[in-house]
Amino acid sequence: MSDSPPSERGSPVPGGGPLRTVLAVIAVLALLVAWFVRPWIHGLVYSLYTTPMLAVSVVLAVLAGALYHRLAPSGTTIENIDGEGGDAEVTPFRVAILVLFLSAMVVSPVANVLAGATMSDETLAETTEVDELANVDAGKPRIVPRAVAERYASNTLNRPRYRTAGTDISVVNGTPYWAAPLAPDGLFNYLTLGQGGTVLVDMTTQQANVRTVDGDVAKGIGTAFIRNYRWHLLKTGTYLADYGDPKMVVHEGEQYIAVPYTQPEFHLAPLPHSTPQWGGVALIDSSGSVEMLSPEEAANNEVLEEQALYPETLARSRVAATKYRNGIVNTFTSHEGEIEVAAVPGENNDQPFYVLTEDGPKYVVAVEPYGDAQGLREVWTIGGQSGEYEVYRPGDSLFGPQKAADLIRQSSTETDWDRFYPAEPILTVIDDREYWQVRVVPEDNSGIAYVAFVDARTSDVREFDDTPEIRQFLRGETPTEGGEPSEGQVPSLVVQRVATNGTVLETMEVYGNQTIQVSRGDTVNETNATAV
């Protein structure tokens, strides 16, 4: 009979069973916690899901660890690993982690390039080349830039417990607005309050035309996670989707949050990779109910009429991806025919720009040749509700947005360009002729000094400092300049009520046959409208 201990006779190690039970319980608890906080780890999960080539890195890492375990001598160390004479043992696990890290650094850029080339082919195949661009809808002009709208919204806000949480375009009863959710302000309010309404800033007029839609939103924007739309959406909606920026929508007095999203399409050749495709729109009502709509269902939904349904980032990335149109090698070598999305001056805004045209709402993206060239190479338009791509390639030489901004600086010598800057140049078509519509705003974004139209062919600059003139020019009419304007056409005098912070609160237009009365206390002065 052997006197060796039980462990040497091959019997189980005492406590091994309970240890395995404890580890199993910990693993189950970890999975439950991960499931509960899955909205917080969505970015990591989605990145791994949409990068199938990372699986190649995992396979390589496992093989490297297994080969090292089989072939390398045990007890191998790396000397002086910490710079102070310490040694570290080389284990199969450490080898696998090193290979995983190094291969992932190589795989990720390769996957991005392959995805870009595939997106380029898909975009060009689905795009229609057009001979002309749609004329702008003169009745729904885009005048106020985002930075100014955010200033208007915050300056007129009179609710101490709330703040405006970003802006996006929303069309209400046919008029485009910059819409900003009212989010709780301060830590205590952030933890205890939900979204308290929506601020709407009219983008079709220079003055601060601001109104607030009251009403609590159960799952809102800028709130704590338990009341946040994104946490709720990733809990109840489609998890493996990439959700874009939320947009406040007001329909018949009710508030909704519309969130366009993309989903991956996988490709096996030449190596596994994925490309984003428009998946649809998540529509969240004020009670928190989520409705996942396909692109066709969203376009036919009465709540979302004229709204921007197509993902803005997808429009930009697909147009930008067409730089691979002549192949990956060309993009990294000779750059023949390569394009890039044109950089635009301004603050807190970038292409694509969402505009309302006579053919419906569209995103507009201007592209220029790769490198230092700043001429207008192409203009891409993407249907805001259909996602249809069209490209316009001008036969004549047209200049780009940066040159338009430079021309305005040259022509407006009286403007103090240390205090003002040109913002949001948008290619605008008026009577089938291309103009760059540029807003000139002060550095503090407190208003709009004037709007300039630069002829993209002749470089002529026209400047208008009031809304009626802008609308008239957009209609293809010529506002009277110099002398007394015609009655009923252009106001002779524009009176503005201005707050102490510089925000224009109200504008009154006075015409040639009218007078104004200015009173202070008991004194009333009458002034003819022509005396300006």
Protein backbone atom coordinates (compact mmCIF):
# COMPACT_ATOMS: atom_id res chain seq x y z
CA MET A 1 0.00 0.00 0.00
CA SER A 2 1.47 3.35 -1.03
CA ASP A 3 2.17 6.02 1.56
CA SER A 4 2.18 8.85 -1.03
CA PRO A 5 -0.22 11.79 -0.53
CA PRO A 6 -3.57 11.68 -2.29
CA SER A 7 -2.50 14.37 -4.79
CA GLU A 8 0.40 12.21 -5.92
CA ARG A 9 -1.91 9.23 -6.48
CA GLY A 10 -3.94 11.27 -9.04
CA SER A 11 -6.90 12.07 -6.80
CA PRO A 12 -8.56 15.51 -7.18
CA VAL A 13 -7.01 18.43 -5.38
CA PRO A 14 -9.06 19.24 -2.28
CA GLY A 15 -11.22 22.33 -2.91
CA GLY A 16 -10.95 22.03 -6.69
CA GLY A 17 -14.70 21.51 -7.05
CA PRO A 18 -15.69 24.61 -5.00
CA LEU A 19 -13.09 26.71 -6.82
CA ARG A 20 -14.56 25.81 -10.19
CA THR A 21 -17.99 26.66 -8.84
CA VAL A 22 -16.82 30.07 -7.65
CA LEU A 23 -15.20 30.81 -11.01
CA ALA A 24 -18.37 29.77 -12.82
CA VAL A 25 -20.47 32.06 -10.62
CA ILE A 26 -18.08 34.96 -11.24
CA ALA A 27 -18.23 34.34 -15.00
CA VAL A 28 -22.04 34.30 -14.96
CA LEU A 29 -22.15 37.51 -12.90
CA ALA A 30 -19.69 39.16 -15.30
CA LEU A 31 -21.88 38.22 -18.25
CA LEU A 32 -24.96 39.60 -16.50
CA VAL A 33 -23.19 42.89 -15.74
CA ALA A 34 -21.93 43.11 -19.33
CA TRP A 35 -25.46 42.49 -20.59
CA PHE A 36 -26.85 45.25 -18.37
CA VAL A 37 -24.21 47.81 -19.36
CA ARG A 38 -24.12 46.75 -23.01
CA PRO A 39 -24.88 50.31 -24.20
CA TRP A 40 -21.59 51.43 -22.62
CA ILE A 41 -19.54 48.81 -24.44
CA HIS A 42 -21.40 49.19 -27.72
CA GLY A 43 -18.54 51.02 -29.43
CA LEU A 44 -16.04 48.25 -28.70
CA VAL A 45 -18.45 45.46 -29.63
CA TYR A 46 -19.50 47.14 -32.84
CA SER A 47 -15.90 47.82 -33.87
CA LEU A 48 -14.98 44.16 -33.40
CA TYR A 49 -18.15 43.06 -35.21
CA THR A 50 -17.55 45.28 -38.24
CA THR A 51 -13.84 44.45 -38.57
CA PRO A 52 -13.81 40.74 -39.48
CA MET A 53 -10.10 40.89 -40.26
CA LEU A 54 -9.49 41.15 -36.51
CA ALA A 55 -10.46 37.50 -36.42
CA VAL A 56 -7.32 36.87 -38.48
CA SER A 57 -5.30 38.60 -35.76
CA VAL A 58 -6.89 36.38 -33.10
CA VAL A 59 -6.11 33.23 -35.10
CA LEU A 60 -2.51 34.34 -35.62
CA ALA A 61 -2.16 35.08 -31.92
CA VAL A 62 -3.48 31.65 -30.91
CA LEU A 63 -1.22 29.89 -33.39
CA ALA A 64 1.80 31.87 -32.23
CA GLY A 65 1.10 31.00 -28.59
CA ALA A 66 0.58 27.32 -29.41
CA LEU A 67 3.77 27.10 -31.50
CA TYR A 68 5.80 28.77 -28.79
CA HIS A 69 4.42 26.35 -26.20
CA ARG A 70 5.37 23.38 -28.38
CA LEU A 71 8.75 24.50 -29.78
CA ALA A 72 10.35 26.98 -27.41
CA PRO A 73 12.34 25.78 -24.37
CA SER A 74 10.64 26.32 -21.04
CA GLY A 75 11.87 28.98 -18.68
CA THR A 76 12.93 31.42 -21.42
CA THR A 77 13.29 34.96 -20.09
CA ILE A 78 13.84 38.43 -21.50
CA GLU A 79 16.65 40.08 -19.62
CA ASN A 80 16.54 43.63 -18.32
CA ILE A 81 12.87 43.97 -19.35
CA ASP A 82 12.19 46.90 -17.07
CA GLY A 83 15.47 48.73 -17.64
CA GLU A 84 16.64 48.00 -14.09
CA GLY A 85 18.01 44.51 -14.51
CA GLY A 86 14.74 42.62 -13.96
CA ASP A 87 13.94 39.55 -16.06
CA ALA A 88 10.53 38.48 -17.41
CA GLU A 89 9.58 34.97 -18.33
CA VAL A 90 8.32 34.50 -21.89
CA THR A 91 5.07 32.55 -21.77
CA PRO A 92 2.77 31.40 -24.59
CA PHE A 93 0.11 33.85 -23.35
CA ARG A 94 2.49 36.81 -23.56
CA VAL A 95 3.56 35.76 -27.04
CA ALA A 96 -0.07 35.54 -28.14
CA ILE A 97 -0.87 39.01 -26.75
CA LEU A 98 2.15 40.54 -28.50
CA VAL A 99 1.22 38.96 -31.84
CA LEU A 100 -2.40 40.06 -31.41
CA PHE A 101 -1.36 43.66 -30.76
CA LEU A 102 1.12 43.86 -33.65
CA SER A 103 -1.15 42.18 -36.17
CA ALA A 104 -4.11 44.37 -35.18
CA MET A 105 -1.98 47.46 -35.85
CA VAL A 106 -1.44 46.18 -39.40
CA VAL A 107 -4.91 44.76 -39.97
CA SER A 108 -6.95 47.85 -39.01
CA PRO A 109 -5.45 50.23 -41.63
CA VAL A 110 -5.70 47.50 -44.29
CA ALA A 111 -9.37 46.96 -43.42
CA ASN A 112 -10.06 50.71 -43.65
CA VAL A 113 -8.44 50.96 -47.09
CA LEU A 114 -10.34 47.94 -48.40
CA ALA A 115 -13.60 49.33 -47.05
CA GLY A 116 -12.90 52.67 -48.71
CA ALA A 117 -12.19 51.08 -52.08
CA THR A 118 -15.36 48.98 -51.88
CA MET A 119 -17.44 52.02 -50.87
CA SER A 120 -15.98 53.93 -53.82
CA ASP A 121 -17.05 51.23 -56.27
CA GLU A 122 -20.51 50.96 -54.72
CA THR A 123 -21.06 54.73 -54.66
CA LEU A 124 -19.95 55.34 -58.24
CA ALA A 125 -22.08 52.42 -59.46
CA GLU A 126 -25.19 53.83 -57.74
CA THR A 127 -24.65 57.48 -58.71
CA THR A 128 -26.37 59.31 -61.55
CA GLU A 129 -24.41 62.00 -63.36
CA VAL A 130 -26.51 65.11 -64.00
CA ASP A 131 -26.03 68.10 -66.30
CA GLU A 132 -27.36 70.68 -63.84
CA LEU A 133 -28.17 71.10 -60.18
CA ALA A 134 -31.59 71.79 -58.69
CA ASN A 135 -32.44 75.40 -57.93
CA VAL A 136 -32.70 76.40 -54.30
CA ASP A 137 -36.16 76.71 -52.75
CA ALA A 138 -36.26 80.50 -52.31
CA GLY A 139 -39.14 80.24 -49.87
CA LYS A 140 -37.07 78.13 -47.45
CA PRO A 141 -33.58 79.65 -47.51
CA ARG A 142 -30.77 78.52 -45.23
CA ILE A 143 -29.53 81.80 -43.77
CA VAL A 144 -28.58 81.27 -40.11
CA PRO A 145 -25.46 79.11 -39.59
CA ARG A 146 -25.30 76.60 -36.76
CA ALA A 147 -22.93 78.56 -34.49
CA VAL A 148 -25.16 81.65 -34.65
CA ALA A 149 -28.29 79.55 -34.03
CA GLU A 150 -26.72 78.04 -30.92
CA ARG A 151 -25.91 81.54 -29.67
CA TYR A 152 -29.48 82.71 -30.40
CA ALA A 153 -30.90 79.69 -28.55
CA SER A 154 -28.72 80.11 -25.45
CA ASN A 155 -29.16 83.90 -25.30
CA THR A 156 -32.94 83.72 -25.27
CA LEU A 157 -33.19 80.77 -22.87
CA ASN A 158 -34.81 81.82 -19.57
CA ARG A 159 -34.88 78.48 -17.76
CA PRO A 160 -32.19 78.26 -15.04
CA ARG A 161 -32.37 74.47 -14.74
CA TYR A 162 -31.82 73.72 -18.42
CA ARG A 163 -29.32 74.29 -21.21
CA THR A 164 -29.37 73.73 -24.95
CA ALA A 165 -27.61 70.50 -25.95
CA GLY A 166 -26.41 70.96 -29.51
CA THR A 167 -28.46 71.69 -32.62
CA ASP A 168 -29.54 69.94 -35.78
CA ILE A 169 -31.87 70.78 -38.64
CA SER A 170 -35.57 70.07 -38.24
CA VAL A 171 -38.38 71.03 -40.62
CA VAL A 172 -41.56 72.16 -38.87
CA ASN A 173 -44.64 72.91 -40.98
CA GLY A 174 -42.44 73.34 -44.05
CA THR A 175 -39.98 75.78 -42.41
CA PRO A 176 -36.42 74.64 -41.59
CA TYR A 177 -35.26 75.32 -38.04
CA TRP A 178 -32.21 74.66 -35.97
CA ALA A 179 -33.62 72.46 -33.20
CA ALA A 180 -31.91 72.13 -29.81
CA PRO A 181 -33.08 69.86 -26.99
CA LEU A 182 -33.46 71.35 -23.51
CA ALA A 183 -31.14 69.22 -21.37
CA PRO A 184 -30.74 69.44 -17.57
CA ASP A 185 -28.02 71.84 -16.45
CA GLY A 186 -25.84 71.02 -13.45
CA LEU A 187 -25.07 67.71 -11.75
CA PHE A 188 -28.15 67.57 -9.50
CA ASN A 189 -30.52 68.41 -12.35
CA TYR A 190 -28.66 66.00 -14.63
CA LEU A 191 -29.34 63.17 -12.19
CA THR A 192 -32.95 64.08 -11.41
CA LEU A 193 -34.48 65.72 -14.48
CA GLY A 194 -35.26 64.64 -18.02
CA GLN A 195 -35.32 66.61 -21.25
CA GLY A 196 -37.69 69.55 -20.78
CA GLY A 197 -38.55 70.53 -24.35
CA THR A 198 -37.09 71.74 -27.62
CA VAL A 199 -35.83 75.15 -28.73
CA LEU A 200 -36.44 76.05 -32.38
CA VAL A 201 -34.41 78.75 -34.15
CA ASP A 202 -35.76 79.84 -37.52
CA MET A 203 -32.92 79.53 -40.04
CA THR A 204 -34.74 81.43 -42.81
CA THR A 205 -34.35 84.89 -41.27
CA GLN A 206 -31.41 86.84 -39.90
CA GLN A 207 -33.20 87.95 -36.76
CA ALA A 208 -33.38 85.80 -33.65
CA ASN A 209 -36.74 84.17 -34.26
CA VAL A 210 -36.72 81.65 -31.41
CA ARG A 211 -39.55 79.65 -29.86
CA THR A 212 -39.72 76.81 -27.37
CA VAL A 213 -41.84 73.68 -27.54
CA ASP A 214 -42.66 72.67 -23.97
CA GLY A 215 -43.15 69.13 -22.76
CA ASP A 216 -41.10 66.44 -21.05
CA VAL A 217 -39.37 63.80 -23.17
CA ALA A 218 -39.14 60.50 -21.27
CA LYS A 219 -35.98 59.32 -23.05
CA GLY A 220 -34.22 62.49 -24.08
CA ILE A 221 -30.90 64.02 -25.11
CA GLY A 222 -28.22 65.24 -22.69
CA THR A 223 -29.71 63.41 -19.70
CA ALA A 224 -28.44 60.76 -17.28
CA PHE A 225 -28.21 57.30 -18.80
CA ILE A 226 -31.41 56.01 -17.20
CA ARG A 227 -33.34 58.76 -19.03
CA ASN A 228 -31.15 58.96 -22.12
CA TYR A 229 -32.43 58.07 -25.57
CA ARG A 230 -29.24 56.23 -26.57
CA TRP A 231 -29.20 53.95 -23.50
CA HIS A 232 -32.86 53.17 -24.12
CA LEU A 233 -32.33 52.68 -27.86
CA LEU A 234 -29.44 50.25 -27.42
CA LYS A 235 -31.51 48.35 -24.86
CA THR A 236 -34.72 48.02 -26.90
CA GLY A 237 -33.73 48.67 -30.52
CA THR A 238 -31.24 47.06 -32.86
CA TYR A 239 -27.96 46.63 -30.99
CA LEU A 240 -25.56 45.89 -33.86
CA ALA A 241 -26.09 49.21 -35.61
CA ASP A 242 -24.19 52.50 -35.76
CA TYR A 243 -26.55 55.29 -34.67
CA GLY A 244 -25.91 58.81 -35.93
CA ASP A 245 -26.65 62.16 -34.32
CA PRO A 246 -30.17 62.48 -32.88
CA LYS A 247 -32.52 65.04 -34.43
CA MET A 248 -35.44 66.65 -32.64
CA VAL A 249 -38.63 66.54 -34.70
CA VAL A 250 -41.77 68.48 -33.81
CA HIS A 251 -44.98 67.27 -35.45
CA GLU A 252 -48.38 68.67 -34.53
CA GLY A 253 -46.99 69.91 -31.22
CA GLU A 254 -45.52 66.53 -30.25
CA GLN A 255 -41.79 65.97 -29.83
CA TYR A 256 -39.91 63.07 -31.38
CA ILE A 257 -36.27 62.03 -31.66
CA ALA A 258 -35.19 60.69 -35.05
CA VAL A 259 -31.91 58.77 -35.21
CA PRO A 260 -30.64 57.61 -38.63
CA TYR A 261 -28.43 54.53 -38.43
CA THR A 262 -26.22 52.31 -40.54
CA GLN A 263 -25.54 48.57 -40.51
CA PRO A 264 -22.56 46.70 -41.95
CA GLU A 265 -22.47 44.75 -45.19
CA PHE A 266 -19.76 42.11 -45.18
CA HIS A 267 -17.40 41.31 -48.06
CA LEU A 268 -15.05 38.32 -48.29
CA ALA A 269 -12.76 39.45 -51.13
CA PRO A 270 -9.99 40.36 -51.45
CA LEU A 271 -9.87 40.06 -47.64
CA PRO A 272 -12.75 40.06 -45.12
CA HIS A 273 -14.06 43.58 -44.50
CA SER A 274 -17.34 45.47 -44.13
CA THR A 275 -18.90 48.68 -45.43
CA PRO A 276 -21.68 50.75 -43.81
CA GLN A 277 -25.11 50.78 -45.43
CA TRP A 278 -28.15 52.86 -44.54
CA GLY A 279 -30.21 50.70 -42.19
CA GLY A 280 -33.11 53.05 -41.50
CA VAL A 281 -34.30 55.48 -38.83
CA ALA A 282 -35.13 54.91 -35.17
CA LEU A 283 -38.10 57.07 -34.16
CA ILE A 284 -38.60 57.70 -30.44
CA ASP A 285 -41.73 59.51 -29.23
CA SER A 286 -42.02 61.63 -26.09
CA SER A 287 -43.13 58.61 -24.00
CA GLY A 288 -39.98 56.67 -24.93
CA SER A 289 -41.58 54.23 -27.36
CA VAL A 290 -39.10 53.15 -30.08
CA GLU A 291 -40.09 52.38 -33.66
CA MET A 292 -37.43 50.97 -35.98
CA LEU A 293 -38.21 52.11 -39.52
CA SER A 294 -36.66 50.93 -42.76
CA PRO A 295 -35.58 53.68 -45.22
CA GLU A 296 -38.83 53.22 -47.18
CA GLU A 297 -40.99 53.29 -44.04
CA ALA A 298 -39.21 56.40 -42.75
CA ALA A 299 -39.73 58.26 -46.04
CA ASN A 300 -43.47 57.48 -45.91
CA ASN A 301 -43.88 58.38 -42.24
CA GLU A 302 -45.85 61.63 -41.87
CA VAL A 303 -43.89 62.63 -38.77
CA LEU A 304 -40.63 62.58 -40.77
CA GLU A 305 -41.80 64.55 -43.82
CA GLU A 306 -38.93 66.67 -45.23
CA GLN A 307 -36.62 65.64 -42.37
CA ALA A 308 -33.00 64.60 -42.91
CA LEU A 309 -33.34 60.81 -42.80
CA TYR A 310 -30.17 59.73 -44.56
CA PRO A 311 -27.15 59.53 -42.19
CA GLU A 312 -25.07 62.67 -42.59
CA THR A 313 -21.75 60.96 -41.80
CA LEU A 314 -22.49 58.22 -44.34
CA ALA A 315 -23.06 60.82 -47.05
CA ARG A 316 -19.71 62.44 -46.35
CA SER A 317 -17.75 59.19 -45.98
CA ARG A 318 -19.12 57.68 -49.20
CA VAL A 319 -18.32 60.79 -51.22
CA ALA A 320 -14.86 60.99 -49.64
CA ALA A 321 -14.27 57.30 -50.43
CA THR A 322 -14.48 57.99 -54.16
CA LYS A 323 -10.86 59.11 -53.94
CA TYR A 324 -10.14 55.42 -54.58
CA ARG A 325 -11.89 55.58 -57.98
CA ASN A 326 -8.66 54.89 -59.83
CA GLY A 327 -7.46 52.20 -57.47
CA ILE A 328 -5.73 51.92 -54.13
CA VAL A 329 -2.23 52.12 -55.60
CA ASN A 330 -3.06 55.36 -57.44
CA THR A 331 -4.37 56.89 -54.21
CA PHE A 332 -1.01 56.36 -52.51
CA THR A 333 1.21 57.19 -55.49
CA SER A 334 0.35 59.40 -58.48
CA HIS A 335 -3.09 60.65 -57.26
CA GLU A 336 -4.43 60.81 -60.81
CA GLY A 337 -8.06 61.95 -60.77
CA GLU A 338 -8.15 61.84 -56.98
CA ILE A 339 -10.56 64.10 -55.10
CA GLU A 340 -11.11 65.24 -51.55
CA VAL A 341 -14.02 66.86 -49.75
CA ALA A 342 -13.42 70.61 -49.78
CA ALA A 343 -12.58 72.21 -46.46
CA VAL A 344 -14.91 75.07 -45.56
CA PRO A 345 -14.39 78.03 -43.24
CA GLY A 346 -16.67 78.50 -40.28
CA GLU A 347 -17.22 77.27 -36.75
CA ASN A 348 -18.99 74.11 -35.61
CA ASN A 349 -20.17 73.09 -39.05
CA ASP A 350 -18.89 71.16 -42.02
CA GLN A 351 -20.01 69.47 -45.19
CA PRO A 352 -22.40 68.03 -46.11
CA PHE A 353 -24.90 70.89 -45.88
CA TYR A 354 -28.61 70.13 -45.79
CA VAL A 355 -30.63 72.45 -48.04
CA LEU A 356 -34.17 72.54 -49.35
CA THR A 357 -34.27 72.66 -53.14
CA GLU A 358 -37.05 72.75 -55.70
CA ASP A 359 -36.48 69.00 -56.10
CA GLY A 360 -36.77 68.31 -52.37
CA PRO A 361 -34.34 68.25 -49.44
CA LYS A 362 -30.77 67.30 -50.30
CA TYR A 363 -27.31 67.08 -48.82
CA VAL A 364 -24.74 69.07 -50.80
CA VAL A 365 -21.04 68.12 -50.84
CA ALA A 366 -18.48 70.10 -52.84
CA VAL A 367 -15.23 68.30 -53.70
CA GLU A 368 -11.97 69.61 -55.09
CA PRO A 369 -8.89 67.98 -56.62
CA TYR A 370 -6.44 66.29 -54.28
CA GLY A 371 -3.64 68.49 -52.98
CA ASP A 372 -3.33 72.26 -53.03
CA ALA A 373 -5.76 72.79 -55.92
CA GLN A 374 -8.95 74.51 -54.72
CA GLY A 375 -11.08 74.54 -57.85
CA LEU A 376 -14.52 72.96 -57.84
CA ARG A 377 -14.15 69.46 -59.26
CA GLU A 378 -17.56 67.95 -58.51
CA VAL A 379 -20.73 68.67 -56.60
CA TRP A 380 -22.49 65.71 -55.03
CA THR A 381 -26.11 65.81 -53.91
CA ILE A 382 -27.71 63.10 -51.80
CA GLY A 383 -31.47 62.87 -51.35
CA GLY A 384 -32.21 63.61 -47.73
CA GLN A 385 -35.07 61.13 -47.69
CA SER A 386 -34.25 58.77 -50.54
CA GLY A 387 -30.46 58.49 -50.24
CA GLU A 388 -30.14 58.81 -54.03
CA TYR A 389 -26.71 60.01 -55.16
CA GLU A 390 -26.19 62.46 -58.01
CA VAL A 391 -22.95 64.09 -59.15
CA TYR A 392 -22.52 67.26 -61.16
CA ARG A 393 -19.24 67.80 -62.98
CA PRO A 394 -19.11 71.38 -64.30
CA GLY A 395 -17.78 71.80 -67.81
CA ASP A 396 -16.36 75.24 -67.02
CA SER A 397 -13.71 76.04 -64.46
CA LEU A 398 -15.40 76.96 -61.17
CA PHE A 399 -13.66 77.94 -57.97
CA GLY A 400 -14.27 76.32 -54.60
CA PRO A 401 -15.53 77.51 -51.21
CA GLN A 402 -12.18 78.70 -49.88
CA LYS A 403 -11.66 80.96 -52.90
CA ALA A 404 -15.19 82.32 -52.42
CA ALA A 405 -14.31 83.29 -48.85
CA ASP A 406 -11.12 84.96 -50.07
CA LEU A 407 -13.06 86.95 -52.69
CA ILE A 408 -15.44 88.24 -50.03
CA ARG A 409 -12.51 89.40 -47.91
CA GLN A 410 -11.05 91.21 -50.91
CA SER A 411 -14.29 92.90 -51.94
CA SER A 412 -15.43 93.95 -48.46
CA THR A 413 -12.62 96.28 -47.46
CA GLU A 414 -14.75 98.00 -44.81
CA THR A 415 -15.27 94.77 -42.84
CA ASP A 416 -12.96 94.30 -39.88
CA TRP A 417 -11.77 90.77 -40.62
CA ASP A 418 -10.15 90.56 -37.20
CA ARG A 419 -13.67 90.59 -35.72
CA PHE A 420 -15.68 88.86 -38.45
CA TYR A 421 -15.28 85.70 -40.50
CA PRO A 422 -16.98 84.08 -43.52
CA ALA A 423 -18.96 80.98 -42.53
CA GLU A 424 -20.79 78.08 -44.11
CA PRO A 425 -20.21 78.58 -47.87
CA ILE A 426 -22.87 76.53 -49.65
CA LEU A 427 -23.09 76.09 -53.40
CA THR A 428 -26.50 77.54 -54.21
CA VAL A 429 -28.12 77.38 -57.64
CA ILE A 430 -30.26 80.36 -58.66
CA ASP A 431 -31.84 80.35 -62.11
CA ASP A 432 -29.50 77.51 -63.10
CA ARG A 433 -26.41 79.53 -62.16
CA GLU A 434 -23.99 78.53 -59.40
CA TYR A 435 -23.26 80.88 -56.50
CA TRP A 436 -21.44 80.44 -53.24
CA GLN A 437 -23.76 81.67 -50.51
CA VAL A 438 -21.59 82.78 -47.59
CA ARG A 439 -22.60 84.26 -44.25
CA VAL A 440 -20.36 86.87 -42.63
CA VAL A 441 -20.67 86.68 -38.85
CA PRO A 442 -18.85 88.21 -35.87
CA GLU A 443 -16.30 86.15 -33.98
CA ASP A 444 -18.65 85.75 -31.02
CA ASN A 445 -21.41 84.41 -33.34
CA SER A 446 -23.87 86.97 -31.94
CA GLY A 447 -25.60 87.53 -35.29
CA ILE A 448 -25.16 87.88 -39.03
CA ALA A 449 -23.55 91.00 -40.48
CA TYR A 450 -24.56 90.22 -44.06
CA VAL A 451 -24.88 87.41 -46.57
CA ALA A 452 -22.73 87.44 -49.71
CA PHE A 453 -23.33 85.63 -53.00
CA VAL A 454 -20.22 84.93 -55.06
CA ASP A 455 -20.71 83.95 -58.69
CA ALA A 456 -18.74 80.71 -59.01
CA ARG A 457 -17.92 81.49 -62.65
CA THR A 458 -17.20 85.23 -62.76
CA SER A 459 -16.19 85.84 -59.10
CA ASP A 460 -18.66 88.76 -58.84
CA VAL A 461 -19.72 89.41 -55.24
CA ARG A 462 -23.16 90.61 -54.15
CA GLU A 463 -23.79 91.51 -50.51
CA PHE A 464 -27.17 91.78 -48.79
CA ASP A 465 -27.70 92.72 -45.18
CA ASP A 466 -31.42 92.05 -44.73
CA THR A 467 -33.64 89.03 -45.22
CA PRO A 468 -36.05 90.44 -47.87
CA GLU A 469 -33.13 91.22 -50.20
CA ILE A 470 -31.70 87.74 -49.71
CA ARG A 471 -35.03 86.10 -50.51
CA GLN A 472 -35.46 88.34 -53.55
CA PHE A 473 -32.04 87.42 -54.92
CA LEU A 474 -32.73 83.72 -54.32
CA ARG A 475 -35.87 84.07 -56.43
CA GLY A 476 -33.73 85.30 -59.30
CA GLU A 477 -34.80 88.92 -58.91
CA THR A 478 -32.43 91.87 -58.60
CA PRO A 479 -32.88 93.99 -55.49
CA THR A 480 -32.67 97.74 -56.13
CA GLU A 481 -29.34 99.14 -55.09
CA GLY A 482 -28.56 102.83 -54.56
CA GLY A 483 -31.08 105.65 -54.20
CA GLU A 484 -34.57 105.12 -52.81
CA PRO A 485 -35.87 101.56 -53.21
CA SER A 486 -39.16 100.91 -54.93
CA GLU A 487 -42.15 100.89 -52.61
CA GLY A 488 -43.10 97.41 -51.45
CA GLN A 489 -39.90 95.90 -52.82
CA VAL A 490 -36.98 96.61 -50.50
CA PRO A 491 -37.40 98.34 -47.11
CA SER A 492 -35.90 101.80 -46.78
CA LEU A 493 -35.11 101.34 -43.13
CA VAL A 494 -34.64 98.30 -40.94
CA VAL A 495 -35.08 98.91 -37.20
CA GLN A 496 -33.72 96.27 -34.87
CA ARG A 497 -34.31 95.80 -31.14
CA VAL A 498 -31.01 94.54 -29.73
CA ALA A 499 -30.31 92.97 -26.32
CA THR A 500 -27.33 94.04 -24.24
CA ASN A 501 -25.43 90.96 -25.35
CA GLY A 502 -25.78 91.95 -29.00
CA THR A 503 -28.55 89.52 -29.97
CA VAL A 504 -31.12 90.92 -32.38
CA LEU A 505 -34.47 90.32 -30.66
CA GLU A 506 -36.87 91.89 -33.16
CA THR A 507 -36.68 93.48 -36.61
CA MET A 508 -39.08 96.00 -38.15
CA GLU A 509 -38.98 96.93 -41.84
CA VAL A 510 -39.99 100.46 -42.87
CA TYR A 511 -40.78 101.37 -46.48
CA GLY A 512 -40.54 104.59 -48.45
CA ASN A 513 -44.07 105.88 -47.85
CA GLN A 514 -43.97 105.23 -44.11
CA THR A 515 -42.69 107.08 -41.08
CA ILE A 516 -41.49 105.86 -37.72
CA GLN A 517 -42.01 107.29 -34.25
CA VAL A 518 -39.25 107.06 -31.67
CA SER A 519 -40.32 107.86 -28.12
CA ARG A 520 -38.38 108.21 -24.90
CA GLY A 521 -40.53 109.02 -21.89
CA ASP A 522 -43.02 111.73 -22.92
CA THR A 523 -41.05 112.81 -25.99
CA VAL A 524 -42.09 111.52 -29.42
CA ASN A 525 -39.97 112.13 -32.52
CA GLU A 526 -41.38 111.36 -35.96
CA THR A 527 -38.89 110.35 -38.65
CA ASN A 528 -39.50 109.81 -42.33
CA ALA A 529 -38.38 106.44 -43.57
CA THR A 530 -36.22 107.99 -46.28
CA ALA A 531 -34.11 109.88 -43.78
CA VAL A 532 -31.52 107.20 -43.17
